[in-house]
């Protein structure tokens, strides 16, 4: 496989990648980079975890760095549209340090946080905006951002944006970008209206497709555990007690909260993440799961594509997914970038036929076991995985020196005490 330099990437970016120990391009990067760097529109078909961010991010950084100068106030030069807040944060986290080496600035725009800060960042001029469609339209309607200077536009996970009903917003945004600009669209599938986007907004695109690793059957092992409804939570709790990170998927928001509580009652701390949680709550849950405390995260399908945590060795479908595409998106949280992983589906007896058809459509042939709590297969899964290190010990309070004066406490009458509490309350209300 060609190196990044052999693919035509700028020497500064090659050095920036090497500094982050990124030296060999993934398949989608090796295929898409030459056309994208040459200025062609690109249609990329690849799953989450295949390296798409650098496949579109590197050409964008390279092009904008070549423009020189700085972005005009309120007028970014690069736009990346993504379906979720979490994905916006992930894309920005990858591109920001690389852009810093080239003098290219990156910022995020998404809902769930105060809009004022985002308006301020764009007002001062920023090169690349990574945005969810709804919040970007909010900024456009307030005249806080204009898209007249956009040189290159990326649509990432276009099929997921279609699932969430964002296509009308996406087309409205694209209509405000210059018609001659370069456009890169990445999607796992081309159905549900994505093909219409391609025909309407991409000019003679170069097509680059990468077969998902999960379909090749080489990265992840798949299993079905057939059980009775009365045993389901007990089996889930036994699996969740393993020493490594475990990611559970359920169908509904209430189901996520309920399973997290049930696991907690069984002695397994778990966090839940879904669309009803605020951005801060979702981020805290992801950060805690990334750190491994708790080791268990329960998520809904909407959150599936926004989870990018290294070292997830087990994904459990507590509830069967709606279709084989959701199965692949969920399962793709493990066995990423060539690592190995295990995918387990918990199936009631009446669901076996449905799940068999789902696996067939997904192209996987799982092992099947009839289990109860304490079954040898369940016990074996419960002992797998790389153990998460224990949390660092809490810092003990240092004893006060002998004879030191007692600490003064601020009571309600202390000057400024009430004002401080009032200001905190104002900030919460404004958020």
Protein backbone atom coordinates (compact mmCIF):
# COMPACT_ATOMS: atom_id res chain seq x y z
CA UNK A 1 0.00 0.00 0.00
CA UNK A 2 1.28 3.47 -0.91
CA UNK A 3 2.42 5.81 1.85
CA UNK A 4 0.72 9.15 2.51
CA UNK A 5 3.55 10.93 0.71
CA UNK A 6 3.21 8.65 -2.31
CA UNK A 7 -0.52 9.44 -2.41
CA UNK A 8 0.36 13.09 -2.95
CA UNK A 9 -0.21 14.47 0.52
CA UNK A 10 1.56 17.68 1.53
CA UNK A 11 4.84 17.09 3.37
CA UNK A 12 3.63 19.14 6.33
CA UNK A 13 0.61 16.90 6.78
CA UNK A 14 2.73 13.77 6.36
CA UNK A 15 4.96 15.01 9.17
CA UNK A 16 1.95 15.91 11.33
CA UNK A 17 0.53 12.41 10.84
CA UNK A 18 3.87 10.81 11.65
CA UNK A 19 4.04 12.83 14.87
CA UNK A 20 0.78 11.13 15.85
CA UNK A 21 2.18 7.74 14.79
CA UNK A 22 -0.11 7.54 11.75
CA UNK A 23 2.07 6.26 8.93
CA UNK A 24 0.10 3.75 6.85
CA UNK A 25 -3.19 4.78 5.23
CA UNK A 26 -6.33 2.68 5.63
CA UNK A 27 -7.94 1.29 2.50
CA UNK A 28 -10.53 4.05 2.09
CA UNK A 29 -7.80 6.67 2.56
CA UNK A 30 -5.49 5.09 0.00
CA UNK A 31 -8.31 4.92 -2.55
CA UNK A 32 -10.01 8.28 -2.02
CA UNK A 33 -7.06 10.61 -1.30
CA UNK A 34 -5.59 10.93 -4.84
CA UNK A 35 -8.93 11.97 -6.38
CA UNK A 36 -9.88 14.22 -3.46
CA UNK A 37 -6.46 15.91 -3.48
CA UNK A 38 -6.86 16.46 -7.23
CA UNK A 39 -10.06 18.40 -6.56
CA UNK A 40 -12.58 15.82 -7.81
CA UNK A 41 -15.90 15.19 -6.13
CA UNK A 42 -15.77 11.87 -4.28
CA UNK A 43 -18.45 9.37 -3.33
CA UNK A 44 -17.10 7.07 -0.64
CA UNK A 45 -18.90 3.98 0.60
CA UNK A 46 -17.47 2.88 3.91
CA UNK A 47 -18.62 2.02 7.40
CA UNK A 48 -17.84 3.91 10.58
CA UNK A 49 -14.38 2.99 11.84
CA UNK A 50 -12.89 2.53 8.37
CA UNK A 51 -10.79 5.70 8.47
CA UNK A 52 -13.21 8.04 6.70
CA UNK A 53 -12.32 11.08 8.79
CA UNK A 54 -8.80 11.32 7.41
CA UNK A 55 -10.02 10.30 3.93
CA UNK A 56 -11.98 13.56 3.71
CA UNK A 57 -10.17 15.60 6.36
CA UNK A 58 -6.70 15.47 4.86
CA UNK A 59 -7.77 16.80 1.42
CA UNK A 60 -9.78 19.55 3.13
CA UNK A 61 -6.86 20.61 5.32
CA UNK A 62 -4.50 20.50 2.35
CA UNK A 63 -6.74 22.58 0.12
CA UNK A 64 -7.49 25.25 2.71
CA UNK A 65 -3.85 25.51 3.77
CA UNK A 66 -2.99 26.13 0.11
CA UNK A 67 -5.38 29.07 -0.04
CA UNK A 68 -3.27 31.05 2.41
CA UNK A 69 -4.52 34.06 4.31
CA UNK A 70 -7.30 33.74 6.84
CA UNK A 71 -11.00 33.13 6.70
CA UNK A 72 -13.27 36.17 6.56
CA UNK A 73 -15.48 36.93 9.53
CA UNK A 74 -18.53 34.63 9.63
CA UNK A 75 -17.38 32.90 6.41
CA UNK A 76 -15.68 29.50 6.82
CA UNK A 77 -13.88 27.96 3.86
CA UNK A 78 -14.56 24.30 4.65
CA UNK A 79 -17.77 22.63 5.88
CA UNK A 80 -18.24 19.13 7.29
CA UNK A 81 -21.84 18.06 7.95
CA UNK A 82 -22.36 15.18 10.40
CA UNK A 83 -25.50 13.66 11.93
CA UNK A 84 -24.66 13.80 15.65
CA UNK A 85 -22.96 15.95 18.25
CA UNK A 86 -20.64 13.13 19.25
CA UNK A 87 -19.46 12.63 15.69
CA UNK A 88 -18.85 16.37 15.32
CA UNK A 89 -16.62 16.27 18.39
CA UNK A 90 -14.75 13.21 17.12
CA UNK A 91 -14.09 14.67 13.69
CA UNK A 92 -12.89 17.94 15.21
CA UNK A 93 -10.66 16.07 17.67
CA UNK A 94 -8.91 14.34 14.76
CA UNK A 95 -8.55 17.39 12.50
CA UNK A 96 -7.79 20.16 15.02
CA UNK A 97 -4.21 19.13 15.91
CA UNK A 98 -3.39 18.45 12.25
CA UNK A 99 -4.85 21.79 11.22
CA UNK A 100 -2.88 23.57 13.92
CA UNK A 101 0.35 22.43 12.27
CA UNK A 102 -0.79 24.08 9.02
CA UNK A 103 -2.37 27.20 10.47
CA UNK A 104 -5.89 25.95 9.64
CA UNK A 105 -8.51 26.49 12.35
CA UNK A 106 -11.37 24.09 13.14
CA UNK A 107 -14.49 24.61 15.23
CA UNK A 108 -17.71 22.72 15.96
CA UNK A 109 -21.36 23.73 15.69
CA UNK A 110 -24.03 21.50 17.25
CA UNK A 111 -27.08 21.70 19.46
CA UNK A 112 -27.38 21.05 23.17
CA UNK A 113 -24.89 23.76 24.17
CA UNK A 114 -25.13 27.58 24.29
CA UNK A 115 -25.25 29.03 20.79
CA UNK A 116 -23.54 32.27 21.79
CA UNK A 117 -20.08 30.73 22.05
CA UNK A 118 -20.42 29.18 18.61
CA UNK A 119 -21.52 32.51 17.13
CA UNK A 120 -18.49 34.20 18.69
CA UNK A 121 -16.02 31.66 17.31
CA UNK A 122 -17.38 31.92 13.77
CA UNK A 123 -17.66 35.72 13.95
CA UNK A 124 -13.90 36.00 14.33
CA UNK A 125 -13.18 33.92 11.25
CA UNK A 126 -12.60 30.15 11.21
CA UNK A 127 -11.41 27.92 8.36
CA UNK A 128 -13.38 24.70 8.91
CA UNK A 129 -16.74 24.20 10.59
CA UNK A 130 -17.86 20.72 11.66
CA UNK A 131 -21.61 21.01 12.10
CA UNK A 132 -24.88 19.21 12.62
CA UNK A 133 -27.51 20.47 10.15
CA UNK A 134 -30.05 21.86 12.61
CA UNK A 135 -27.69 24.09 14.58
CA UNK A 136 -25.96 25.32 11.42
CA UNK A 137 -29.32 26.44 10.04
CA UNK A 138 -29.92 28.27 13.33
CA UNK A 139 -26.71 30.22 12.72
CA UNK A 140 -27.56 30.90 9.09
CA UNK A 141 -30.99 32.24 10.04
CA UNK A 142 -29.37 34.59 12.56
CA UNK A 143 -26.91 35.81 9.90
CA UNK A 144 -24.16 34.58 12.20
CA UNK A 145 -22.61 32.47 9.43
CA UNK A 146 -22.54 32.57 5.66
CA UNK A 147 -21.48 29.82 3.25
CA UNK A 148 -20.48 31.94 0.28
CA UNK A 149 -16.74 31.23 0.77
CA UNK A 150 -17.02 27.45 1.11
CA UNK A 151 -14.38 25.77 -1.06
CA UNK A 152 -14.98 22.16 -0.05
CA UNK A 153 -18.00 20.48 1.58
CA UNK A 154 -18.14 17.04 3.21
CA UNK A 155 -21.24 15.01 4.04
CA UNK A 156 -20.25 12.32 6.54
CA UNK A 157 -22.59 9.40 7.27
CA UNK A 158 -25.18 10.72 4.86
CA UNK A 159 -27.34 7.61 5.31
CA UNK A 160 -27.60 8.27 9.05
CA UNK A 161 -28.60 11.87 8.35
CA UNK A 162 -31.34 10.46 6.14
CA UNK A 163 -32.45 8.11 8.94
CA UNK A 164 -32.77 11.08 11.29
CA UNK A 165 -34.80 13.12 8.79
CA UNK A 166 -32.06 15.69 8.13
CA UNK A 167 -32.02 15.57 4.32
CA UNK A 168 -34.26 18.66 3.84
CA UNK A 169 -31.89 20.62 6.08
CA UNK A 170 -28.87 19.21 4.25
CA UNK A 171 -30.19 20.26 0.85
CA UNK A 172 -31.04 23.70 2.20
CA UNK A 173 -27.46 24.07 3.41
CA UNK A 174 -25.90 22.75 0.20
CA UNK A 175 -27.96 25.19 -1.82
CA UNK A 176 -26.18 28.03 0.00
CA UNK A 177 -22.68 26.79 -0.87
CA UNK A 178 -21.03 27.85 -4.15
CA UNK A 179 -22.11 25.45 -6.95
CA UNK A 180 -18.56 24.97 -8.23
CA UNK A 181 -17.11 23.89 -4.88
CA UNK A 182 -15.66 20.45 -4.27
CA UNK A 183 -17.96 17.97 -2.52
CA UNK A 184 -17.14 14.71 -0.78
CA UNK A 185 -19.95 12.41 0.36
CA UNK A 186 -19.38 9.36 2.56
CA UNK A 187 -22.13 6.89 3.35
CA UNK A 188 -22.48 3.21 4.21
CA UNK A 189 -25.45 2.90 1.83
CA UNK A 190 -26.98 4.91 -1.00
CA UNK A 191 -30.65 4.32 -0.22
CA UNK A 192 -33.17 6.43 1.73
CA UNK A 193 -32.59 9.53 -0.39
CA UNK A 194 -28.80 9.53 -0.35
CA UNK A 195 -28.74 8.66 -4.06
CA UNK A 196 -30.75 11.83 -4.74
CA UNK A 197 -28.11 13.91 -2.94
CA UNK A 198 -25.42 12.31 -5.06
CA UNK A 199 -27.20 13.04 -8.34
CA UNK A 200 -28.10 16.60 -7.34
CA UNK A 201 -24.91 17.87 -5.75
CA UNK A 202 -21.91 15.78 -6.89
CA UNK A 203 -20.40 16.34 -10.34
CA UNK A 204 -18.99 13.18 -11.97
CA UNK A 205 -17.83 11.82 -8.60
CA UNK A 206 -15.04 9.29 -8.23
CA UNK A 207 -16.52 6.24 -6.50
CA UNK A 208 -14.47 4.47 -3.85
CA UNK A 209 -16.01 1.63 -1.84
CA UNK A 210 -14.54 -0.43 0.96
CA UNK A 211 -16.22 -3.61 2.18
CA UNK A 212 -16.86 -3.38 5.92
CA UNK A 213 -14.49 -5.54 7.91
CA UNK A 214 -17.42 -6.99 9.82
CA UNK A 215 -18.78 -8.48 6.59
CA UNK A 216 -15.47 -10.16 5.86
CA UNK A 217 -15.90 -12.12 9.09
CA UNK A 218 -12.25 -11.80 10.02
CA UNK A 219 -12.30 -9.14 12.71
CA UNK A 220 -15.24 -9.94 14.99
CA UNK A 221 -16.69 -13.20 16.26
CA UNK A 222 -20.48 -13.37 16.40
CA UNK A 223 -22.67 -15.40 18.75
CA UNK A 224 -26.36 -15.78 19.56
CA UNK A 225 -27.43 -16.69 23.09
CA UNK A 226 -30.97 -18.08 23.08
CA UNK A 227 -32.68 -17.72 26.45
CA UNK A 228 -35.96 -17.30 28.31
CA UNK A 229 -37.23 -13.82 29.11
CA UNK A 230 -36.88 -14.44 32.85
CA UNK A 231 -33.15 -15.10 32.42
CA UNK A 232 -32.33 -12.17 30.16
CA UNK A 233 -31.29 -9.57 32.74
CA UNK A 234 -29.41 -12.15 34.82
CA UNK A 235 -27.43 -13.30 31.79
CA UNK A 236 -26.77 -9.69 30.79
CA UNK A 237 -25.53 -8.86 34.29
CA UNK A 238 -23.23 -11.89 34.34
CA UNK A 239 -21.73 -10.87 30.99
CA UNK A 240 -21.46 -7.24 32.12
CA UNK A 241 -19.43 -8.28 35.17
CA UNK A 242 -16.45 -9.08 32.93
CA UNK A 243 -13.27 -7.11 33.69
CA UNK A 244 -13.22 -5.24 30.35
CA UNK A 245 -15.42 -2.62 28.66
CA UNK A 246 -18.79 -3.86 27.43
CA UNK A 247 -21.22 -1.94 25.24
CA UNK A 248 -24.93 -2.89 25.35
CA UNK A 249 -27.46 -1.78 22.74
CA UNK A 250 -31.19 -1.43 23.34
CA UNK A 251 -34.01 -0.09 21.18
CA UNK A 252 -35.49 2.66 23.34
CA UNK A 253 -34.39 5.48 25.63
CA UNK A 254 -36.44 4.09 28.51
CA UNK A 255 -34.93 0.67 27.87
CA UNK A 256 -31.43 2.13 28.17
CA UNK A 257 -32.17 3.75 31.52
CA UNK A 258 -33.97 0.65 32.77
CA UNK A 259 -31.14 -1.75 31.84
CA UNK A 260 -28.53 0.54 33.41
CA UNK A 261 -30.55 0.52 36.66
CA UNK A 262 -31.00 -3.25 36.54
CA UNK A 263 -27.30 -3.84 36.02
CA UNK A 264 -26.54 -1.47 38.88
CA UNK A 265 -28.85 -3.40 41.20
CA UNK A 266 -27.02 -6.58 40.19
CA UNK A 267 -23.75 -5.03 41.33
CA UNK A 268 -22.47 -3.88 37.92
CA UNK A 269 -22.23 -0.08 37.60
CA UNK A 270 -23.39 1.10 34.18
CA UNK A 271 -24.00 4.41 32.40
CA UNK A 272 -26.70 5.09 29.79
CA UNK A 273 -26.55 7.30 26.72
CA UNK A 274 -29.45 8.29 24.47
CA UNK A 275 -31.08 11.25 22.75
CA UNK A 276 -32.93 12.55 25.82
CA UNK A 277 -29.70 13.11 27.73
CA UNK A 278 -28.14 16.57 27.54
CA UNK A 279 -24.86 17.05 25.73
CA UNK A 280 -22.99 17.34 29.02
CA UNK A 281 -24.59 14.16 30.36
CA UNK A 282 -23.75 12.24 27.19
CA UNK A 283 -20.19 13.50 27.16
CA UNK A 284 -19.66 12.68 30.84
CA UNK A 285 -20.96 9.15 30.25
CA UNK A 286 -18.67 8.66 27.24
CA UNK A 287 -15.67 10.08 29.07
CA UNK A 288 -16.29 7.82 32.06
CA UNK A 289 -16.72 4.78 29.81
CA UNK A 290 -13.55 5.69 27.92
CA UNK A 291 -11.70 5.79 31.24
CA UNK A 292 -13.25 2.44 32.14
CA UNK A 293 -15.24 3.54 35.19
CA UNK A 294 -17.90 2.33 34.73
CA UNK A 295 -16.88 -0.46 32.39
CA UNK A 296 -20.42 -0.81 31.00
CA UNK A 297 -22.29 1.57 28.72
CA UNK A 298 -25.90 1.11 27.54
CA UNK A 299 -26.81 2.94 24.33
CA UNK A 300 -29.63 3.33 21.82
CA UNK A 301 -29.27 3.07 18.04
CA UNK A 302 -29.25 6.85 17.63
CA UNK A 303 -26.11 6.97 19.75
CA UNK A 304 -24.45 4.05 17.97
CA UNK A 305 -22.58 6.06 15.37
CA UNK A 306 -21.49 8.66 17.87
CA UNK A 307 -19.50 6.22 20.00
CA UNK A 308 -15.83 6.01 19.17
CA UNK A 309 -14.00 4.44 22.09
CA UNK A 310 -10.87 2.38 21.58
CA UNK A 311 -10.65 -0.99 23.26
CA UNK A 312 -14.31 -2.09 23.18
CA UNK A 313 -13.92 -5.85 22.90
CA UNK A 314 -17.55 -6.85 23.38
CA UNK A 315 -20.80 -5.52 21.95
CA UNK A 316 -24.07 -7.01 23.24
CA UNK A 317 -27.37 -6.64 21.38
CA UNK A 318 -29.63 -6.76 24.42
CA UNK A 319 -32.55 -5.90 22.13
CA UNK A 320 -32.39 -7.06 18.51
CA UNK A 321 -31.73 -4.20 16.07
CA UNK A 322 -34.38 -3.06 13.62
CA UNK A 323 -32.53 -4.34 10.56
CA UNK A 324 -29.18 -5.67 9.40
CA UNK A 325 -27.82 -2.15 8.81
CA UNK A 326 -28.39 -1.23 12.44
CA UNK A 327 -26.78 -4.54 13.38
CA UNK A 328 -23.66 -3.60 11.44
CA UNK A 329 -23.54 -0.08 12.85
CA UNK A 330 -23.88 -1.34 16.39
CA UNK A 331 -21.42 -4.18 15.93
CA UNK A 332 -18.91 -1.85 14.32
CA UNK A 333 -18.09 -0.38 17.74
CA UNK A 334 -15.82 -3.39 18.29
CA UNK A 335 -13.10 -4.93 16.11
CA UNK A 336 -12.13 -1.50 14.83
CA UNK A 337 -9.02 -0.82 12.76
CA UNK A 338 -8.06 -4.48 12.56
CA UNK A 339 -8.53 -5.34 16.24
CA UNK A 340 -10.52 -8.38 17.29
CA UNK A 341 -13.83 -8.38 19.10
CA UNK A 342 -16.93 -10.32 20.08
CA UNK A 343 -20.54 -9.51 19.18
CA UNK A 344 -23.28 -11.24 21.19
CA UNK A 345 -27.03 -11.16 20.50
CA UNK A 346 -29.46 -12.08 23.27
CA UNK A 347 -32.45 -13.77 21.65
CA UNK A 348 -35.71 -14.98 23.08
CA UNK A 349 -36.91 -18.23 21.52
CA UNK A 350 -39.64 -16.47 19.56
CA UNK A 351 -37.05 -14.08 18.10
CA UNK A 352 -34.68 -16.72 16.73
CA UNK A 353 -36.16 -16.80 13.22
CA UNK A 354 -36.13 -13.01 12.91
CA UNK A 355 -32.54 -12.80 14.13
CA UNK A 356 -31.44 -15.59 11.80
CA UNK A 357 -32.76 -13.59 8.83
CA UNK A 358 -31.07 -10.44 10.15
CA UNK A 359 -27.70 -12.19 10.40
CA UNK A 360 -28.10 -13.61 6.91
CA UNK A 361 -28.71 -10.13 5.50
CA UNK A 362 -25.68 -8.83 7.42
CA UNK A 363 -23.49 -11.57 5.96
CA UNK A 364 -22.46 -13.17 9.25
CA UNK A 365 -22.82 -16.77 10.43
CA UNK A 366 -22.89 -16.71 14.24
CA UNK A 367 -22.55 -19.60 16.65
CA UNK A 368 -25.77 -20.27 18.58
CA UNK A 369 -26.13 -21.50 22.16
CA UNK A 370 -29.13 -22.19 24.39
CA UNK A 371 -28.20 -20.68 27.76
CA UNK A 372 -29.35 -19.73 31.23
CA UNK A 373 -27.53 -17.71 33.88
CA UNK A 374 -24.38 -19.56 34.90
CA UNK A 375 -24.15 -21.52 31.65
CA UNK A 376 -20.52 -22.36 30.69
CA UNK A 377 -20.71 -20.19 27.57
CA UNK A 378 -21.97 -17.24 29.62
CA UNK A 379 -19.27 -17.79 32.24
CA UNK A 380 -16.63 -17.92 29.52
CA UNK A 381 -17.76 -14.60 28.02
CA UNK A 382 -17.83 -13.10 31.51
CA UNK A 383 -14.12 -13.80 31.93
CA UNK A 384 -12.94 -12.46 28.56
CA UNK A 385 -11.35 -9.15 27.72
CA UNK A 386 -8.44 -6.97 28.69
CA UNK A 387 -9.03 -5.86 32.30
CA UNK A 388 -9.58 -2.15 32.84
CA UNK A 389 -7.08 -0.75 35.36
CA UNK A 390 -8.62 0.31 38.66
CA UNK A 391 -9.27 4.02 39.13
CA UNK A 392 -6.49 6.04 40.77
CA UNK A 393 -6.84 6.24 44.54
CA UNK A 394 -8.64 9.28 45.88
CA UNK A 395 -6.31 11.91 47.22
CA UNK A 396 -6.37 12.03 50.99
CA UNK A 397 -6.86 15.38 52.67
CA UNK A 398 -3.56 16.66 54.03
CA UNK A 399 -3.56 17.09 57.82
CA UNK A 400 -3.36 20.70 58.96
CA UNK A 401 -0.16 21.72 60.76
CA UNK A 402 -0.39 21.84 64.53
CA UNK A 403 -1.40 25.24 65.77
CA UNK A 404 -2.75 26.38 62.39
CA UNK A 405 -5.79 28.68 62.66
CA UNK A 406 -9.14 27.08 61.77
CA UNK A 407 -10.41 27.50 58.21
CA UNK A 408 -12.89 30.31 57.79
CA UNK A 409 -16.21 29.27 56.35
CA UNK A 410 -18.29 31.53 54.15
CA UNK A 411 -21.79 31.73 55.51
CA UNK A 412 -24.83 33.25 53.85
CA UNK A 413 -23.89 36.67 55.16
CA UNK A 414 -20.37 36.65 53.73
CA UNK A 415 -19.90 39.35 51.07
CA UNK A 416 -20.24 37.81 47.61
CA UNK A 417 -21.43 34.42 48.78
CA UNK A 418 -25.02 34.86 47.70
CA UNK A 419 -23.97 36.53 44.43
CA UNK A 420 -21.79 33.57 43.54
CA UNK A 421 -24.66 31.16 43.94
CA UNK A 422 -26.94 33.47 41.95
CA UNK A 423 -24.46 33.63 39.06
CA UNK A 424 -24.20 29.86 38.91
CA UNK A 425 -27.95 29.63 38.74
CA UNK A 426 -28.01 32.17 35.91
CA UNK A 427 -25.49 30.16 33.96
CA UNK A 428 -27.55 27.02 34.34
CA UNK A 429 -30.67 28.78 33.15
CA UNK A 430 -28.89 30.29 30.16
CA UNK A 431 -27.54 26.87 29.16
